[in-house]
């Protein structure tokens, strides 16, 4: 009697290799009649199918995750992406101010240099700086007259 297919079905069902499956000789007739995965599970519960323990040291030692060169996942450095997003946002603000005529070309050039050097941490910071520098410029112009 050839039970190779039954052994393979039991191995797949129980999640072990074929070499670890042992059929109890007294219950071979029941095993021969089993055709579904549920039948195999029931037979294992009843003791007709035994799962052999793993041989050797591997059952005792948990090897853990292997870290080789190909397996290391590096943390993605998002600093550059953050810089690009912030720079584009701030330059867009400058373009809007320029189109409205609130800033002249000289001021825009200076502000673009400062944006590039990461002087501003947010759009609000840039707007606050522009508002403050405008007040200073108007004060200077009034004093000169």
N, C-alpha and C. Protein backbone atom coordinates (compact mmCIF):
# COMPACT_ATOMS: atom_id res chain seq x y z
N UNK A 1 0.85 -1.17 0.00
CA UNK A 1 0.00 0.00 0.00
C UNK A 1 0.90 1.24 0.00
N UNK A 2 0.64 2.15 -0.95
CA UNK A 2 1.48 3.33 -1.12
C UNK A 2 0.76 4.55 -0.53
N UNK A 3 1.35 5.11 0.52
CA UNK A 3 0.73 6.26 1.20
C UNK A 3 1.51 7.56 0.96
N UNK A 4 2.26 7.60 -0.13
CA UNK A 4 3.08 8.79 -0.41
C UNK A 4 2.21 10.04 -0.55
N UNK A 5 1.11 9.94 -1.26
CA UNK A 5 0.22 11.09 -1.46
C UNK A 5 -0.41 11.53 -0.15
N UNK A 6 -0.76 10.57 0.71
CA UNK A 6 -1.35 10.89 2.01
C UNK A 6 -0.33 11.59 2.90
N UNK A 7 0.92 11.13 2.80
CA UNK A 7 1.97 11.74 3.60
C UNK A 7 2.20 13.19 3.16
N UNK A 8 2.17 13.42 1.84
CA UNK A 8 2.34 14.77 1.32
C UNK A 8 1.17 15.67 1.74
N UNK A 9 -0.04 15.15 1.68
CA UNK A 9 -1.21 15.91 2.12
C UNK A 9 -1.12 16.27 3.59
N UNK A 10 -0.68 15.32 4.41
CA UNK A 10 -0.53 15.57 5.84
C UNK A 10 0.55 16.62 6.10
N UNK A 11 1.65 16.53 5.36
CA UNK A 11 2.75 17.49 5.53
C UNK A 11 2.28 18.90 5.17
N UNK A 12 1.58 19.03 4.07
CA UNK A 12 1.08 20.35 3.65
C UNK A 12 0.07 20.90 4.66
N UNK A 13 -0.80 20.03 5.14
CA UNK A 13 -1.85 20.45 6.06
C UNK A 13 -1.29 20.90 7.40
N UNK A 14 -0.34 20.13 7.92
CA UNK A 14 0.19 20.39 9.26
C UNK A 14 1.40 21.32 9.26
N UNK A 15 1.87 21.69 8.08
CA UNK A 15 2.94 22.68 7.97
C UNK A 15 4.30 22.17 8.38
N UNK A 16 4.58 20.89 8.09
CA UNK A 16 5.89 20.32 8.38
C UNK A 16 6.37 19.56 7.15
N UNK A 17 7.62 19.09 7.18
CA UNK A 17 8.16 18.32 6.07
C UNK A 17 7.65 16.89 6.09
N UNK A 18 7.77 16.22 4.92
CA UNK A 18 7.30 14.83 4.81
C UNK A 18 8.08 13.91 5.74
N UNK A 19 9.34 14.21 5.96
CA UNK A 19 10.18 13.36 6.80
C UNK A 19 9.75 13.33 8.26
N UNK A 20 9.01 14.33 8.69
CA UNK A 20 8.59 14.40 10.09
C UNK A 20 7.24 13.74 10.34
N UNK A 21 6.55 13.33 9.28
CA UNK A 21 5.23 12.71 9.43
C UNK A 21 5.41 11.21 9.68
N UNK A 22 4.77 10.71 10.73
CA UNK A 22 4.79 9.28 11.04
C UNK A 22 3.35 8.80 11.13
N UNK A 23 3.06 7.74 10.37
CA UNK A 23 1.74 7.11 10.44
C UNK A 23 1.79 5.95 11.43
N UNK A 24 0.80 5.86 12.30
CA UNK A 24 0.71 4.75 13.25
C UNK A 24 0.19 3.53 12.49
N UNK A 25 0.94 2.42 12.58
CA UNK A 25 0.63 1.22 11.78
C UNK A 25 -0.77 0.67 12.05
N UNK A 26 -1.24 0.74 13.28
CA UNK A 26 -2.54 0.19 13.62
C UNK A 26 -3.68 0.97 12.97
N UNK A 27 -3.44 2.21 12.57
CA UNK A 27 -4.53 3.06 12.08
C UNK A 27 -4.39 3.37 10.58
N UNK A 28 -3.63 2.55 9.85
CA UNK A 28 -3.40 2.81 8.43
C UNK A 28 -4.69 2.80 7.60
N UNK A 29 -5.65 2.01 7.97
CA UNK A 29 -6.91 1.96 7.22
C UNK A 29 -7.64 3.31 7.29
N UNK A 30 -7.65 3.92 8.48
CA UNK A 30 -8.28 5.25 8.63
C UNK A 30 -7.54 6.28 7.79
N UNK A 31 -6.22 6.20 7.82
CA UNK A 31 -5.40 7.16 7.08
C UNK A 31 -5.66 7.03 5.59
N UNK A 32 -5.82 5.77 5.10
CA UNK A 32 -6.08 5.54 3.69
C UNK A 32 -7.40 6.16 3.25
N UNK A 33 -8.37 6.19 4.13
CA UNK A 33 -9.69 6.73 3.80
C UNK A 33 -9.73 8.26 3.85
N UNK A 34 -8.77 8.89 4.54
CA UNK A 34 -8.75 10.35 4.67
C UNK A 34 -8.41 10.99 3.33
N UNK A 35 -9.23 11.95 2.92
CA UNK A 35 -8.99 12.60 1.63
C UNK A 35 -8.92 14.12 1.73
N UNK A 36 -9.35 14.69 2.84
CA UNK A 36 -9.34 16.15 2.96
C UNK A 36 -8.35 16.59 4.03
N UNK A 37 -8.05 17.86 4.00
CA UNK A 37 -7.14 18.43 5.01
C UNK A 37 -7.75 18.31 6.40
N UNK A 38 -9.04 18.50 6.49
CA UNK A 38 -9.71 18.39 7.79
C UNK A 38 -9.59 16.98 8.33
N UNK A 39 -9.68 15.98 7.45
CA UNK A 39 -9.48 14.59 7.88
C UNK A 39 -8.10 14.42 8.49
N UNK A 40 -7.09 15.01 7.85
CA UNK A 40 -5.70 14.90 8.35
C UNK A 40 -5.57 15.57 9.71
N UNK A 41 -6.20 16.72 9.87
CA UNK A 41 -6.13 17.41 11.17
C UNK A 41 -6.78 16.57 12.26
N UNK A 42 -7.92 15.98 11.94
CA UNK A 42 -8.62 15.13 12.92
C UNK A 42 -7.78 13.91 13.29
N UNK A 43 -7.16 13.29 12.30
CA UNK A 43 -6.31 12.11 12.56
C UNK A 43 -5.12 12.47 13.44
N UNK A 44 -4.57 13.67 13.22
CA UNK A 44 -3.44 14.11 14.05
C UNK A 44 -3.90 14.34 15.49
N UNK A 45 -5.08 14.91 15.63
CA UNK A 45 -5.64 15.14 16.97
C UNK A 45 -5.89 13.82 17.70
N UNK A 46 -6.39 12.82 16.94
CA UNK A 46 -6.70 11.52 17.52
C UNK A 46 -5.45 10.68 17.79
N UNK A 47 -4.32 11.04 17.17
CA UNK A 47 -3.08 10.30 17.43
C UNK A 47 -2.74 9.28 16.36
N UNK A 48 -3.44 9.28 15.23
CA UNK A 48 -3.12 8.36 14.14
C UNK A 48 -1.92 8.86 13.35
N UNK A 49 -1.74 10.18 13.32
CA UNK A 49 -0.59 10.79 12.66
C UNK A 49 0.24 11.48 13.73
N UNK A 50 1.53 11.18 13.76
CA UNK A 50 2.43 11.77 14.75
C UNK A 50 3.44 12.63 14.00
N UNK A 51 3.77 13.77 14.58
CA UNK A 51 4.79 14.65 14.01
C UNK A 51 6.06 14.47 14.82
N UNK A 52 7.11 14.03 14.14
CA UNK A 52 8.40 13.80 14.78
C UNK A 52 9.06 15.13 15.14
N UNK A 53 9.74 15.18 16.27
CA UNK A 53 10.46 16.38 16.70
C UNK A 53 11.63 16.65 15.76
N UNK A 54 12.04 17.90 15.70
CA UNK A 54 13.19 18.28 14.87
C UNK A 54 14.45 17.76 15.53
N UNK A 55 15.32 17.15 14.73
CA UNK A 55 16.57 16.63 15.27
C UNK A 55 17.59 17.75 15.41
N UNK A 56 18.55 17.51 16.28
CA UNK A 56 19.71 18.38 16.34
C UNK A 56 19.52 19.63 17.16
N UNK A 57 20.47 20.52 16.98
CA UNK A 57 20.59 21.69 17.81
C UNK A 57 19.61 22.80 17.41
N UNK A 58 19.15 22.78 16.17
CA UNK A 58 18.33 23.88 15.68
C UNK A 58 17.04 24.04 16.47
N UNK A 59 16.54 22.96 17.08
CA UNK A 59 15.32 23.11 17.87
C UNK A 59 15.59 23.83 19.18
N UNK A 60 16.84 23.78 19.66
CA UNK A 60 17.17 24.40 20.93
C UNK A 60 17.58 25.87 20.79
N UNK A 61 18.22 26.18 19.69
CA UNK A 61 18.79 27.51 19.52
C UNK A 61 17.94 28.32 18.56
N UNK A 62 17.45 29.45 19.02
CA UNK A 62 16.72 30.35 18.14
C UNK A 62 17.76 31.23 17.46
N UNK A 63 17.91 31.05 16.17
CA UNK A 63 18.99 31.75 15.47
C UNK A 63 18.67 33.22 15.24
N UNK A 64 17.43 33.57 15.29
CA UNK A 64 17.07 34.97 15.10
C UNK A 64 17.21 35.40 13.66
N UNK A 65 17.11 36.71 13.43
CA UNK A 65 17.19 37.22 12.08
C UNK A 65 18.64 37.29 11.65
N UNK A 66 18.88 36.92 10.40
CA UNK A 66 20.23 36.99 9.85
C UNK A 66 20.42 38.38 9.26
N UNK A 67 21.55 38.99 9.58
CA UNK A 67 21.84 40.30 9.00
C UNK A 67 23.07 40.21 8.12
N UNK A 68 22.84 40.02 6.85
CA UNK A 68 23.91 40.07 5.87
C UNK A 68 23.75 41.36 5.08
N UNK A 69 24.70 41.61 4.21
CA UNK A 69 24.70 42.88 3.48
C UNK A 69 23.41 43.08 2.70
N UNK A 70 22.93 42.02 2.06
CA UNK A 70 21.73 42.13 1.25
C UNK A 70 20.45 42.25 2.06
N UNK A 71 20.50 41.97 3.36
CA UNK A 71 19.29 41.95 4.18
C UNK A 71 19.09 43.24 4.98
N UNK A 72 20.11 44.08 5.04
CA UNK A 72 20.02 45.27 5.89
C UNK A 72 19.15 46.30 5.19
N UNK A 73 18.09 46.73 5.87
CA UNK A 73 17.25 47.80 5.36
C UNK A 73 17.71 49.10 6.00
N UNK A 74 18.20 50.00 5.19
CA UNK A 74 18.67 51.26 5.73
C UNK A 74 17.49 52.19 5.97
N UNK A 75 17.61 53.04 6.98
CA UNK A 75 16.59 54.04 7.21
C UNK A 75 16.76 55.14 6.17
N UNK A 76 15.67 55.50 5.55
CA UNK A 76 15.74 56.49 4.48
C UNK A 76 15.91 57.87 5.10
N UNK A 77 16.90 58.57 4.60
CA UNK A 77 17.16 59.91 5.10
C UNK A 77 16.31 60.89 4.31
N UNK A 78 15.38 61.54 4.98
CA UNK A 78 14.43 62.40 4.27
C UNK A 78 14.82 63.88 4.32
N UNK A 79 16.02 64.15 4.82
CA UNK A 79 16.40 65.56 4.94
C UNK A 79 16.36 66.30 3.61
N UNK A 80 16.88 65.63 2.57
CA UNK A 80 16.92 66.29 1.27
C UNK A 80 15.51 66.54 0.75
N UNK A 81 14.64 65.55 0.90
CA UNK A 81 13.26 65.71 0.44
C UNK A 81 12.58 66.85 1.19
N UNK A 82 12.80 66.92 2.50
CA UNK A 82 12.22 68.00 3.30
C UNK A 82 12.72 69.36 2.81
N UNK A 83 14.03 69.42 2.51
CA UNK A 83 14.63 70.66 2.03
C UNK A 83 14.00 71.08 0.71
N UNK A 84 13.85 70.13 -0.21
CA UNK A 84 13.29 70.44 -1.53
C UNK A 84 11.85 70.94 -1.40
N UNK A 85 11.07 70.27 -0.57
CA UNK A 85 9.66 70.66 -0.40
C UNK A 85 9.56 72.06 0.19
N UNK A 86 10.34 72.32 1.24
CA UNK A 86 10.30 73.63 1.89
C UNK A 86 10.77 74.73 0.94
N UNK A 87 11.85 74.45 0.21
CA UNK A 87 12.39 75.45 -0.72
C UNK A 87 11.37 75.81 -1.78
N UNK A 88 10.73 74.81 -2.36
CA UNK A 88 9.74 75.08 -3.39
C UNK A 88 8.57 75.89 -2.84
N UNK A 89 8.16 75.55 -1.64
CA UNK A 89 7.05 76.26 -1.00
C UNK A 89 7.39 77.73 -0.80
N UNK A 90 8.60 77.98 -0.29
CA UNK A 90 9.00 79.36 0.01
C UNK A 90 9.22 80.16 -1.27
N UNK A 91 9.77 79.51 -2.29
CA UNK A 91 9.97 80.21 -3.56
C UNK A 91 8.65 80.56 -4.21
N UNK A 92 7.64 79.71 -4.00
CA UNK A 92 6.31 79.99 -4.52
C UNK A 92 5.74 81.25 -3.86
N UNK A 93 5.98 81.37 -2.54
CA UNK A 93 5.52 82.56 -1.81
C UNK A 93 6.19 83.81 -2.39
N UNK A 94 7.51 83.70 -2.66
CA UNK A 94 8.22 84.85 -3.24
C UNK A 94 7.66 85.21 -4.61
N UNK A 95 7.34 84.21 -5.41
CA UNK A 95 6.79 84.47 -6.74
C UNK A 95 5.45 85.19 -6.63
N UNK A 96 4.62 84.79 -5.67
CA UNK A 96 3.32 85.46 -5.47
C UNK A 96 3.53 86.92 -5.07
N UNK A 97 4.47 87.13 -4.15
CA UNK A 97 4.74 88.51 -3.69
C UNK A 97 5.26 89.36 -4.85
N UNK A 98 6.09 88.73 -5.69
CA UNK A 98 6.66 89.46 -6.83
C UNK A 98 5.56 89.84 -7.82
N UNK A 99 4.64 88.88 -8.09
CA UNK A 99 3.57 89.17 -9.05
C UNK A 99 2.63 90.26 -8.54
N UNK A 100 2.44 90.34 -7.22
CA UNK A 100 1.61 91.38 -6.63
C UNK A 100 2.34 92.72 -6.56
N UNK A 101 3.66 92.67 -6.72
CA UNK A 101 4.44 93.89 -6.69
C UNK A 101 4.84 94.31 -5.28
N UNK A 102 4.79 93.39 -4.33
CA UNK A 102 5.14 93.71 -2.95
C UNK A 102 6.64 93.72 -2.73
N UNK A 103 7.39 92.99 -3.56
CA UNK A 103 8.84 92.92 -3.41
C UNK A 103 9.51 93.29 -4.73
N UNK A 104 10.68 93.95 -4.63
CA UNK A 104 11.42 94.23 -5.85
C UNK A 104 12.49 93.13 -6.08
N UNK A 105 13.13 93.18 -7.21
CA UNK A 105 14.04 92.11 -7.63
C UNK A 105 15.21 91.95 -6.68
N UNK A 106 15.73 93.05 -6.18
CA UNK A 106 16.88 93.00 -5.27
C UNK A 106 16.52 92.24 -3.98
N UNK A 107 15.37 92.57 -3.41
CA UNK A 107 14.92 91.88 -2.19
C UNK A 107 14.69 90.39 -2.45
N UNK A 108 14.11 90.08 -3.62
CA UNK A 108 13.83 88.69 -3.96
C UNK A 108 15.13 87.90 -4.05
N UNK A 109 16.15 88.49 -4.67
CA UNK A 109 17.44 87.79 -4.78
C UNK A 109 18.02 87.50 -3.41
N UNK A 110 17.94 88.46 -2.52
CA UNK A 110 18.47 88.27 -1.16
C UNK A 110 17.69 87.18 -0.43
N UNK A 111 16.36 87.25 -0.56
CA UNK A 111 15.53 86.25 0.12
C UNK A 111 15.77 84.84 -0.44
N UNK A 112 15.96 84.73 -1.76
CA UNK A 112 16.22 83.42 -2.36
C UNK A 112 17.53 82.83 -1.82
N UNK A 113 18.52 83.68 -1.63
CA UNK A 113 19.79 83.21 -1.04
C UNK A 113 19.57 82.68 0.37
N UNK A 114 18.75 83.42 1.12
CA UNK A 114 18.48 83.00 2.50
C UNK A 114 17.66 81.71 2.55
N UNK A 115 16.73 81.56 1.60
CA UNK A 115 15.96 80.31 1.52
C UNK A 115 16.89 79.15 1.23
N UNK A 116 17.81 79.37 0.31
CA UNK A 116 18.74 78.31 -0.06
C UNK A 116 19.61 77.88 1.11
N UNK A 117 19.92 78.81 1.97
CA UNK A 117 20.76 78.50 3.14
C UNK A 117 19.96 78.06 4.35
N UNK A 118 18.70 77.74 4.15
CA UNK A 118 17.81 77.21 5.20
C UNK A 118 17.62 78.17 6.36
N UNK A 119 17.53 79.44 6.07
CA UNK A 119 17.35 80.41 7.14
C UNK A 119 15.93 80.36 7.69
N UNK A 120 14.96 80.05 6.82
CA UNK A 120 13.55 80.05 7.22
C UNK A 120 13.08 78.64 7.49
N UNK A 121 12.41 78.44 8.62
CA UNK A 121 11.95 77.10 8.98
C UNK A 121 10.55 76.81 8.49
N UNK A 122 9.79 77.87 8.07
CA UNK A 122 8.43 77.66 7.59
C UNK A 122 7.98 78.86 6.75
N UNK A 123 6.82 78.70 6.14
CA UNK A 123 6.25 79.78 5.34
C UNK A 123 5.90 80.97 6.22
N UNK A 124 5.38 80.67 7.40
CA UNK A 124 5.01 81.75 8.33
C UNK A 124 6.25 82.54 8.76
N UNK A 125 7.34 81.81 8.95
CA UNK A 125 8.59 82.47 9.35
C UNK A 125 9.06 83.41 8.25
N UNK A 126 8.96 82.95 6.99
CA UNK A 126 9.36 83.79 5.86
C UNK A 126 8.47 85.04 5.78
N UNK A 127 7.15 84.85 5.93
CA UNK A 127 6.25 86.00 5.84
C UNK A 127 6.50 86.99 6.97
N UNK A 128 6.78 86.46 8.14
CA UNK A 128 7.09 87.32 9.29
C UNK A 128 8.36 88.13 9.02
N UNK A 129 9.35 87.46 8.45
CA UNK A 129 10.62 88.12 8.14
C UNK A 129 10.41 89.21 7.09
N UNK A 130 9.61 88.90 6.07
CA UNK A 130 9.34 89.89 5.02
C UNK A 130 8.60 91.09 5.60
N UNK A 131 7.62 90.82 6.46
CA UNK A 131 6.87 91.92 7.09
C UNK A 131 7.77 92.79 7.94
N UNK A 132 8.66 92.17 8.72
CA UNK A 132 9.58 92.91 9.58
C UNK A 132 10.59 93.71 8.78
N UNK A 133 11.12 93.13 7.71
CA UNK A 133 12.13 93.82 6.91
C UNK A 133 11.49 94.97 6.13
N UNK A 134 10.22 94.83 5.74
CA UNK A 134 9.54 95.92 5.04
C UNK A 134 9.37 97.12 5.95
N UNK A 135 9.00 96.85 7.22
CA UNK A 135 8.83 97.95 8.17
C UNK A 135 10.15 98.67 8.37
N UNK A 136 11.25 97.91 8.46
CA UNK A 136 12.57 98.53 8.64
C UNK A 136 12.94 99.36 7.44
N UNK A 137 12.65 98.85 6.24
CA UNK A 137 12.98 99.60 5.02
C UNK A 137 12.19 100.90 4.94
N UNK A 138 10.92 100.87 5.30
CA UNK A 138 10.12 102.10 5.25
C UNK A 138 10.59 103.11 6.28
N UNK A 139 11.02 102.61 7.45
CA UNK A 139 11.54 103.51 8.48
C UNK A 139 12.81 104.20 7.99
N UNK A 140 13.70 103.42 7.35
CA UNK A 140 14.96 103.98 6.84
C UNK A 140 14.68 105.04 5.78
N UNK A 141 13.71 104.76 4.89
CA UNK A 141 13.39 105.72 3.83
C UNK A 141 12.81 107.00 4.43
N UNK A 142 12.00 106.91 5.49
CA UNK A 142 11.40 108.08 6.11
C UNK A 142 12.48 108.93 6.79
N UNK A 143 13.47 108.24 7.41
CA UNK A 143 14.52 108.97 8.12
C UNK A 143 15.40 109.74 7.13
N UNK A 144 15.62 109.22 5.95
CA UNK A 144 16.49 109.86 4.97
C UNK A 144 15.87 111.15 4.46
N UNK A 145 14.57 111.24 4.43
CA UNK A 145 13.90 112.44 3.87
C UNK A 145 14.02 113.58 4.77
